[in-house]
Amino acid sequence: MNLSARCNIIIRNYNKKFDLETISKIKKICKKKGLKLFLSNNPKLAIQANLDGVYIPSFNKSLNLNNFRNKKKKLHHPRLSS
């Protein structure tokens, strides 16, 4: 698969819980291809896996995002866009 380095990958499957080992394998593939990797709806695991950031879907109104703000990481959520 040929993707531009400007592409980002978001792991987003709400029917399955991902573990650190699986995410690490995906992260290695993305790193080889020069792609940034984001995990949807799980800031704690994204930080633990040292991913490029976390994607919080607009339907998630209950997550307290202030606990996860980090200037080195990306936090994508419509409520935070300016």
PDB file of N, CA and C in Angstrom:
ATOM      1  N   MET A   1       0.833  -1.161   0.000  1.00  0.00           N
ATOM      2  CA  MET A   1       0.000   0.000   0.000  1.00  0.00           C
ATOM      3  C   MET A   1       0.889   1.238   0.000  1.00  0.00           C
ATOM      4  N   ASN A   2       0.643   2.143  -0.909  1.00  0.00           N
ATOM      5  CA  ASN A   2       1.409   3.378  -0.988  1.00  0.00           C
ATOM      6  C   ASN A   2       0.568   4.525  -0.452  1.00  0.00           C
ATOM      7  N   LEU A   3       0.994   5.082   0.673  1.00  0.00           N
ATOM      8  CA  LEU A   3       0.324   6.227   1.261  1.00  0.00           C
ATOM      9  C   LEU A   3       1.311   7.366   1.385  1.00  0.00           C
ATOM     10  N   SER A   4       0.816   8.567   1.207  1.00  0.00           N
ATOM     11  CA  SER A   4       1.640   9.747   1.383  1.00  0.00           C
ATOM     12  C   SER A   4       2.038   9.882   2.845  1.00  0.00           C
ATOM     13  N   ALA A   5       3.221  10.447   3.095  1.00  0.00           N
ATOM     14  CA  ALA A   5       3.673  10.660   4.471  1.00  0.00           C
ATOM     15  C   ALA A   5       2.786  11.687   5.176  1.00  0.00           C
ATOM     16  N   ARG A   6       1.955  12.394   4.420  1.00  0.00           N
ATOM     17  CA  ARG A   6       1.026  13.348   5.029  1.00  0.00           C
ATOM     18  C   ARG A   6      -0.226  12.660   5.563  1.00  0.00           C
ATOM     19  N   CYS A   7      -0.361  11.366   5.320  1.00  0.00           N
ATOM     20  CA  CYS A   7      -1.519  10.614   5.821  1.00  0.00           C
ATOM     21  C   CYS A   7      -1.313  10.246   7.284  1.00  0.00           C
ATOM     22  N   ASN A   8      -2.418  10.121   7.979  1.00  0.00           N
ATOM     23  CA  ASN A   8      -2.408   9.658   9.363  1.00  0.00           C
ATOM     24  C   ASN A   8      -3.300   8.435   9.461  1.00  0.00           C
ATOM     25  N   ILE A   9      -2.972   7.544  10.373  1.00  0.00           N
ATOM     26  CA  ILE A   9      -3.762   6.333  10.599  1.00  0.00           C
ATOM     27  C   ILE A   9      -4.441   6.465  11.957  1.00  0.00           C
ATOM     28  N   ILE A  10      -5.743   6.198  11.992  1.00  0.00           N
ATOM     29  CA  ILE A  10      -6.492   6.192  13.248  1.00  0.00           C
ATOM     30  C   ILE A  10      -6.996   4.776  13.474  1.00  0.00           C
ATOM     31  N   ILE A  11      -6.590   4.178  14.600  1.00  0.00           N
ATOM     32  CA  ILE A  11      -7.111   2.868  14.986  1.00  0.00           C
ATOM     33  C   ILE A  11      -8.458   3.132  15.641  1.00  0.00           C
ATOM     34  N   ARG A  12      -9.507   2.623  15.003  1.00  0.00           N
ATOM     35  CA  ARG A  12     -10.852   2.921  15.479  1.00  0.00           C
ATOM     36  C   ARG A  12     -11.749   1.723  15.219  1.00  0.00           C
ATOM     37  N   ASN A  13     -11.925   0.906  16.239  1.00  0.00           N
ATOM     38  CA  ASN A  13     -12.817  -0.247  16.171  1.00  0.00           C
ATOM     39  C   ASN A  13     -13.492  -0.348  17.529  1.00  0.00           C
ATOM     40  N   TYR A  14     -14.747   0.040  17.597  1.00  0.00           N
ATOM     41  CA  TYR A  14     -15.433   0.109  18.884  1.00  0.00           C
ATOM     42  C   TYR A  14     -15.981  -1.243  19.331  1.00  0.00           C
ATOM     43  N   ASN A  15     -15.800  -2.275  18.520  1.00  0.00           N
ATOM     44  CA  ASN A  15     -16.267  -3.615  18.885  1.00  0.00           C
ATOM     45  C   ASN A  15     -15.156  -4.469  19.486  1.00  0.00           C
ATOM     46  N   LYS A  16     -13.920  -3.960  19.436  1.00  0.00           N
ATOM     47  CA  LYS A  16     -12.780  -4.737  19.915  1.00  0.00           C
ATOM     48  C   LYS A  16     -11.882  -3.860  20.765  1.00  0.00           C
ATOM     49  N   LYS A  17     -11.390  -4.398  21.866  1.00  0.00           N
ATOM     50  CA  LYS A  17     -10.409  -3.703  22.694  1.00  0.00           C
ATOM     51  C   LYS A  17      -9.018  -4.079  22.185  1.00  0.00           C
ATOM     52  N   PHE A  18      -8.184  -3.094  21.983  1.00  0.00           N
ATOM     53  CA  PHE A  18      -6.828  -3.343  21.524  1.00  0.00           C
ATOM     54  C   PHE A  18      -5.886  -3.404  22.720  1.00  0.00           C
ATOM     55  N   ASP A  19      -4.919  -4.300  22.638  1.00  0.00           N
ATOM     56  CA  ASP A  19      -3.929  -4.388  23.700  1.00  0.00           C
ATOM     57  C   ASP A  19      -2.646  -3.704  23.238  1.00  0.00           C
ATOM     58  N   LEU A  20      -1.751  -3.497  24.174  1.00  0.00           N
ATOM     59  CA  LEU A  20      -0.502  -2.790  23.893  1.00  0.00           C
ATOM     60  C   LEU A  20       0.354  -3.515  22.860  1.00  0.00           C
ATOM     61  N   GLU A  21       0.352  -4.834  22.887  1.00  0.00           N
ATOM     62  CA  GLU A  21       1.146  -5.616  21.933  1.00  0.00           C
ATOM     63  C   GLU A  21       0.664  -5.405  20.498  1.00  0.00           C
ATOM     64  N   THR A  22      -0.633  -5.456  20.291  1.00  0.00           N
ATOM     65  CA  THR A  22      -1.201  -5.256  18.946  1.00  0.00           C
ATOM     66  C   THR A  22      -0.917  -3.846  18.449  1.00  0.00           C
ATOM     67  N   ILE A  23      -1.105  -2.877  19.321  1.00  0.00           N
ATOM     68  CA  ILE A  23      -0.849  -1.490  18.930  1.00  0.00           C
ATOM     69  C   ILE A  23       0.624  -1.277  18.615  1.00  0.00           C
ATOM     70  N   SER A  24       1.514  -1.924  19.349  1.00  0.00           N
ATOM     71  CA  SER A  24       2.954  -1.807  19.081  1.00  0.00           C
ATOM     72  C   SER A  24       3.310  -2.344  17.702  1.00  0.00           C
ATOM     73  N   LYS A  25       2.667  -3.435  17.298  1.00  0.00           N
ATOM     74  CA  LYS A  25       2.914  -3.985  15.955  1.00  0.00           C
ATOM     75  C   LYS A  25       2.453  -3.016  14.872  1.00  0.00           C
ATOM     76  N   ILE A  26       1.279  -2.426  15.065  1.00  0.00           N
ATOM     77  CA  ILE A  26       0.768  -1.461  14.086  1.00  0.00           C
ATOM     78  C   ILE A  26       1.663  -0.228  14.068  1.00  0.00           C
ATOM     79  N   LYS A  27       2.122   0.187  15.239  1.00  0.00           N
ATOM     80  CA  LYS A  27       3.001   1.352  15.341  1.00  0.00           C
ATOM     81  C   LYS A  27       4.300   1.145  14.557  1.00  0.00           C
ATOM     82  N   LYS A  28       4.868  -0.054  14.642  1.00  0.00           N
ATOM     83  CA  LYS A  28       6.107  -0.348  13.900  1.00  0.00           C
ATOM     84  C   LYS A  28       5.887  -0.218  12.392  1.00  0.00           C
ATOM     85  N   ILE A  29       4.765  -0.741  11.915  1.00  0.00           N
ATOM     86  CA  ILE A  29       4.449  -0.651  10.487  1.00  0.00           C
ATOM     87  C   ILE A  29       4.310   0.811  10.077  1.00  0.00           C
ATOM     88  N   CYS A  30       3.593   1.585  10.868  1.00  0.00           N
ATOM     89  CA  CYS A  30       3.402   3.002  10.549  1.00  0.00           C
ATOM     90  C   CYS A  30       4.723   3.751  10.565  1.00  0.00           C
ATOM     91  N   LYS A  31       5.566   3.444  11.534  1.00  0.00           N
ATOM     92  CA  LYS A  31       6.860   4.116  11.617  1.00  0.00           C
ATOM     93  C   LYS A  31       7.708   3.835  10.380  1.00  0.00           C
ATOM     94  N   LYS A  32       7.716   2.582   9.926  1.00  0.00           N
ATOM     95  CA  LYS A  32       8.467   2.220   8.720  1.00  0.00           C
ATOM     96  C   LYS A  32       7.989   3.002   7.507  1.00  0.00           C
ATOM     97  N   LYS A  33       6.681   3.242   7.451  1.00  0.00           N
ATOM     98  CA  LYS A  33       6.090   3.933   6.302  1.00  0.00           C
ATOM     99  C   LYS A  33       6.039   5.450   6.490  1.00  0.00           C
ATOM    100  N   GLY A  34       6.486   5.931   7.659  1.00  0.00           N
ATOM    101  CA  GLY A  34       6.487   7.371   7.911  1.00  0.00           C
ATOM    102  C   GLY A  34       5.103   7.940   8.184  1.00  0.00           C
ATOM    103  N   LEU A  35       4.205   7.130   8.729  1.00  0.00           N
ATOM    104  CA  LEU A  35       2.839   7.557   9.002  1.00  0.00           C
ATOM    105  C   LEU A  35       2.646   7.803  10.490  1.00  0.00           C
ATOM    106  N   LYS A  36       1.824   8.779  10.825  1.00  0.00           N
ATOM    107  CA  LYS A  36       1.494   9.035  12.220  1.00  0.00           C
ATOM    108  C   LYS A  36       0.333   8.134  12.617  1.00  0.00           C
ATOM    109  N   LEU A  37       0.353   7.682  13.866  1.00  0.00           N
ATOM    110  CA  LEU A  37      -0.663   6.757  14.357  1.00  0.00           C
ATOM    111  C   LEU A  37      -1.403   7.360  15.542  1.00  0.00           C
ATOM    112  N   PHE A  38      -2.727   7.330  15.451  1.00  0.00           N
ATOM    113  CA  PHE A  38      -3.612   7.833  16.493  1.00  0.00           C
ATOM    114  C   PHE A  38      -4.531   6.709  16.934  1.00  0.00           C
ATOM    115  N   LEU A  39      -4.899   6.713  18.197  1.00  0.00           N
ATOM    116  CA  LEU A  39      -5.842   5.740  18.727  1.00  0.00           C
ATOM    117  C   LEU A  39      -7.122   6.472  19.083  1.00  0.00           C
ATOM    118  N   SER A  40      -8.224   5.919  18.667  1.00  0.00           N
ATOM    119  CA  SER A  40      -9.509   6.563  18.907  1.00  0.00           C
ATOM    120  C   SER A  40     -10.060   6.205  20.278  1.00  0.00           C
ATOM    121  N   ASN A  41     -10.483   7.241  20.995  1.00  0.00           N
ATOM    122  CA  ASN A  41     -11.307   7.097  22.187  1.00  0.00           C
ATOM    123  C   ASN A  41     -10.624   6.422  23.379  1.00  0.00           C
ATOM    124  N   ASN A  42      -9.281   6.375  23.396  1.00  0.00           N
ATOM    125  CA  ASN A  42      -8.600   5.753  24.529  1.00  0.00           C
ATOM    126  C   ASN A  42      -7.291   6.499  24.808  1.00  0.00           C
ATOM    127  N   PRO A  43      -7.380   7.673  25.439  1.00  0.00           N
ATOM    128  CA  PRO A  43      -6.169   8.464  25.682  1.00  0.00           C
ATOM    129  C   PRO A  43      -5.133   7.753  26.545  1.00  0.00           C
ATOM    130  N   LYS A  44      -5.577   7.021  27.544  1.00  0.00           N
ATOM    131  CA  LYS A  44      -4.618   6.345  28.430  1.00  0.00           C
ATOM    132  C   LYS A  44      -3.756   5.357  27.664  1.00  0.00           C
ATOM    133  N   LEU A  45      -4.373   4.544  26.800  1.00  0.00           N
ATOM    134  CA  LEU A  45      -3.617   3.556  26.029  1.00  0.00           C
ATOM    135  C   LEU A  45      -2.746   4.244  24.971  1.00  0.00           C
ATOM    136  N   ALA A  46      -3.236   5.314  24.377  1.00  0.00           N
ATOM    137  CA  ALA A  46      -2.442   6.054  23.388  1.00  0.00           C
ATOM    138  C   ALA A  46      -1.176   6.629  24.025  1.00  0.00           C
ATOM    139  N   ILE A  47      -1.312   7.142  25.240  1.00  0.00           N
ATOM    140  CA  ILE A  47      -0.151   7.684  25.955  1.00  0.00           C
ATOM    141  C   ILE A  47       0.784   6.553  26.363  1.00  0.00           C
ATOM    142  N   GLN A  48       0.214   5.468  26.860  1.00  0.00           N
ATOM    143  CA  GLN A  48       1.014   4.314  27.288  1.00  0.00           C
ATOM    144  C   GLN A  48       1.818   3.743  26.119  1.00  0.00           C
ATOM    145  N   ALA A  49       1.226   3.718  24.933  1.00  0.00           N
ATOM    146  CA  ALA A  49       1.892   3.182  23.747  1.00  0.00           C
ATOM    147  C   ALA A  49       2.783   4.219  23.071  1.00  0.00           C
ATOM    148  N   ASN A  50       2.789   5.448  23.604  1.00  0.00           N
ATOM    149  CA  ASN A  50       3.581   6.537  23.051  1.00  0.00           C
ATOM    150  C   ASN A  50       3.245   6.786  21.575  1.00  0.00           C
ATOM    151  N   LEU A  51       1.947   6.840  21.283  1.00  0.00           N
ATOM    152  CA  LEU A  51       1.500   7.107  19.917  1.00  0.00           C
ATOM    153  C   LEU A  51       1.616   8.585  19.612  1.00  0.00           C
ATOM    154  N   ASP A  52       1.366   8.944  18.367  1.00  0.00           N
ATOM    155  CA  ASP A  52       1.461  10.339  17.951  1.00  0.00           C
ATOM    156  C   ASP A  52       0.323  11.181  18.513  1.00  0.00           C
ATOM    157  N   GLY A  53      -0.748  10.540  18.912  1.00  0.00           N
ATOM    158  CA  GLY A  53      -1.866  11.285  19.477  1.00  0.00           C
ATOM    159  C   GLY A  53      -3.077  10.400  19.666  1.00  0.00           C
ATOM    160  N   VAL A  54      -4.157  11.046  20.046  1.00  0.00           N
ATOM    161  CA  VAL A  54      -5.415  10.345  20.281  1.00  0.00           C
ATOM    162  C   VAL A  54      -6.519  11.103  19.554  1.00  0.00           C
ATOM    163  N   TYR A  55      -7.467  10.370  19.013  1.00  0.00           N
ATOM    164  CA  TYR A  55      -8.629  10.959  18.348  1.00  0.00           C
ATOM    165  C   TYR A  55      -9.841  10.707  19.236  1.00  0.00           C
ATOM    166  N   ILE A  56     -10.511  11.777  19.647  1.00  0.00           N
ATOM    167  CA  ILE A  56     -11.712  11.653  20.455  1.00  0.00           C
ATOM    168  C   ILE A  56     -12.894  11.999  19.558  1.00  0.00           C
ATOM    169  N   PRO A  57     -13.768  11.023  19.287  1.00  0.00           N
ATOM    170  CA  PRO A  57     -14.912  11.284  18.409  1.00  0.00           C
ATOM    171  C   PRO A  57     -15.877  12.289  19.033  1.00  0.00           C
ATOM    172  N   SER A  58     -16.623  12.973  18.194  1.00  0.00           N
ATOM    173  CA  SER A  58     -17.538  14.008  18.675  1.00  0.00           C
ATOM    174  C   SER A  58     -18.653  13.443  19.540  1.00  0.00           C
ATOM    175  N   PHE A  59     -18.973  12.155  19.398  1.00  0.00           N
ATOM    176  CA  PHE A  59     -20.045  11.595  20.220  1.00  0.00           C
ATOM    177  C   PHE A  59     -19.620  11.378  21.669  1.00  0.00           C
ATOM    178  N   ASN A  60     -18.333  11.430  21.949  1.00  0.00           N
ATOM    179  CA  ASN A  60     -17.845  11.211  23.305  1.00  0.00           C
ATOM    180  C   ASN A  60     -17.912  12.531  24.068  1.00  0.00           C
ATOM    181  N   LYS A  61     -18.966  12.702  24.829  1.00  0.00           N
ATOM    182  CA  LYS A  61     -19.165  13.934  25.598  1.00  0.00           C
ATOM    183  C   LYS A  61     -18.752  13.766  27.055  1.00  0.00           C
ATOM    184  N   SER A  62     -18.466  12.550  27.483  1.00  0.00           N
ATOM    185  CA  SER A  62     -18.243  12.298  28.902  1.00  0.00           C
ATOM    186  C   SER A  62     -16.769  12.308  29.317  1.00  0.00           C
ATOM    187  N   LEU A  63     -15.860  12.262  28.381  1.00  0.00           N
ATOM    188  CA  LEU A  63     -14.439  12.179  28.721  1.00  0.00           C
ATOM    189  C   LEU A  63     -13.920  13.532  29.177  1.00  0.00           C
ATOM    190  N   ASN A  64     -13.236  13.563  30.313  1.00  0.00           N
ATOM    191  CA  ASN A  64     -12.613  14.787  30.802  1.00  0.00           C
ATOM    192  C   ASN A  64     -11.273  14.952  30.088  1.00  0.00           C
ATOM    193  N   LEU A  65     -11.236  15.800  29.094  1.00  0.00           N
ATOM    194  CA  LEU A  65     -10.062  15.928  28.232  1.00  0.00           C
ATOM    195  C   LEU A  65      -8.929  16.715  28.883  1.00  0.00           C
ATOM    196  N   ASN A  66      -9.224  17.506  29.890  1.00  0.00           N
ATOM    197  CA  ASN A  66      -8.173  18.316  30.518  1.00  0.00           C
ATOM    198  C   ASN A  66      -7.087  17.464  31.146  1.00  0.00           C
ATOM    199  N   ASN A  67      -7.402  16.270  31.575  1.00  0.00           N
ATOM    200  CA  ASN A  67      -6.399  15.395  32.181  1.00  0.00           C
ATOM    201  C   ASN A  67      -5.367  14.895  31.184  1.00  0.00           C
ATOM    202  N   PHE A  68      -5.670  14.974  29.903  1.00  0.00           N
ATOM    203  CA  PHE A  68      -4.810  14.374  28.891  1.00  0.00           C
ATOM    204  C   PHE A  68      -4.117  15.388  27.994  1.00  0.00           C
ATOM    205  N   ARG A  69      -4.239  16.649  28.280  1.00  0.00           N
ATOM    206  CA  ARG A  69      -3.584  17.647  27.431  1.00  0.00           C
ATOM    207  C   ARG A  69      -2.076  17.530  27.578  1.00  0.00           C
ATOM    208  N   ASN A  70      -1.398  17.501  26.450  1.00  0.00           N
ATOM    209  CA  ASN A  70       0.049  17.352  26.428  1.00  0.00           C
ATOM    210  C   ASN A  70       0.530  18.056  25.171  1.00  0.00           C
ATOM    211  N   LYS A  71       1.354  19.053  25.296  1.00  0.00           N
ATOM    212  CA  LYS A  71       1.761  19.839  24.137  1.00  0.00           C
ATOM    213  C   LYS A  71       2.568  19.040  23.122  1.00  0.00           C
ATOM    214  N   LYS A  72       3.157  17.930  23.527  1.00  0.00           N
ATOM    215  CA  LYS A  72       3.950  17.130  22.604  1.00  0.00           C
ATOM    216  C   LYS A  72       3.085  16.177  21.786  1.00  0.00           C
ATOM    217  N   LYS A  73       1.849  15.957  22.215  1.00  0.00           N
ATOM    218  CA  LYS A  73       0.960  15.013  21.536  1.00  0.00           C
ATOM    219  C   LYS A  73      -0.233  15.749  20.969  1.00  0.00           C
ATOM    220  N   LYS A  74      -0.848  15.167  19.974  1.00  0.00           N
ATOM    221  CA  LYS A  74      -2.035  15.736  19.347  1.00  0.00           C
ATOM    222  C   LYS A  74      -3.277  15.183  20.024  1.00  0.00           C
ATOM    223  N   LEU A  75      -4.228  16.049  20.268  1.00  0.00           N
ATOM    224  CA  LEU A  75      -5.519  15.640  20.810  1.00  0.00           C
ATOM    225  C   LEU A  75      -6.572  16.199  19.879  1.00  0.00           C
ATOM    226  N   HIS A  76      -7.227  15.337  19.125  1.00  0.00           N
ATOM    227  CA  HIS A  76      -8.198  15.774  18.138  1.00  0.00           C
ATOM    228  C   HIS A  76      -9.607  15.571  18.662  1.00  0.00           C
ATOM    229  N   HIS A  77     -10.311  16.687  18.838  1.00  0.00           N
ATOM    230  CA  HIS A  77     -11.697  16.619  19.264  1.00  0.00           C
ATOM    231  C   HIS A  77     -12.371  17.900  18.813  1.00  0.00           C
ATOM    232  N   PRO A  78     -13.581  17.809  18.267  1.00  0.00           N
ATOM    233  CA  PRO A  78     -14.265  19.022  17.781  1.00  0.00           C
ATOM    234  C   PRO A  78     -14.419  20.106  18.840  1.00  0.00           C
ATOM    235  N   ARG A  79     -14.574  19.735  20.115  1.00  0.00           N
ATOM    236  CA  ARG A  79     -14.743  20.739  21.166  1.00  0.00           C
ATOM    237  C   ARG A  79     -13.459  21.511  21.419  1.00  0.00           C
ATOM    238  N   LEU A  80     -12.318  20.975  21.020  1.00  0.00           N
ATOM    239  CA  LEU A  80     -11.044  21.638  21.267  1.00  0.00           C
ATOM    240  C   LEU A  80     -10.562  22.460  20.078  1.00  0.00           C
ATOM    241  N   SER A  81     -11.232  22.343  18.964  1.00  0.00           N
ATOM    242  CA  SER A  81     -10.809  23.079  17.758  1.00  0.00           C
ATOM    243  C   SER A  81     -11.103  24.557  17.922  1.00  0.00           C
ATOM    244  N   SER A  82     -10.159  25.364  17.441  1.00  0.00           N
ATOM    245  CA  SER A  82     -10.400  26.813  17.513  1.00  0.00           C
ATOM    246  C   SER A  82     -10.346  27.430  16.148  1.00  0.00           C
TER     247      SER A  82
END
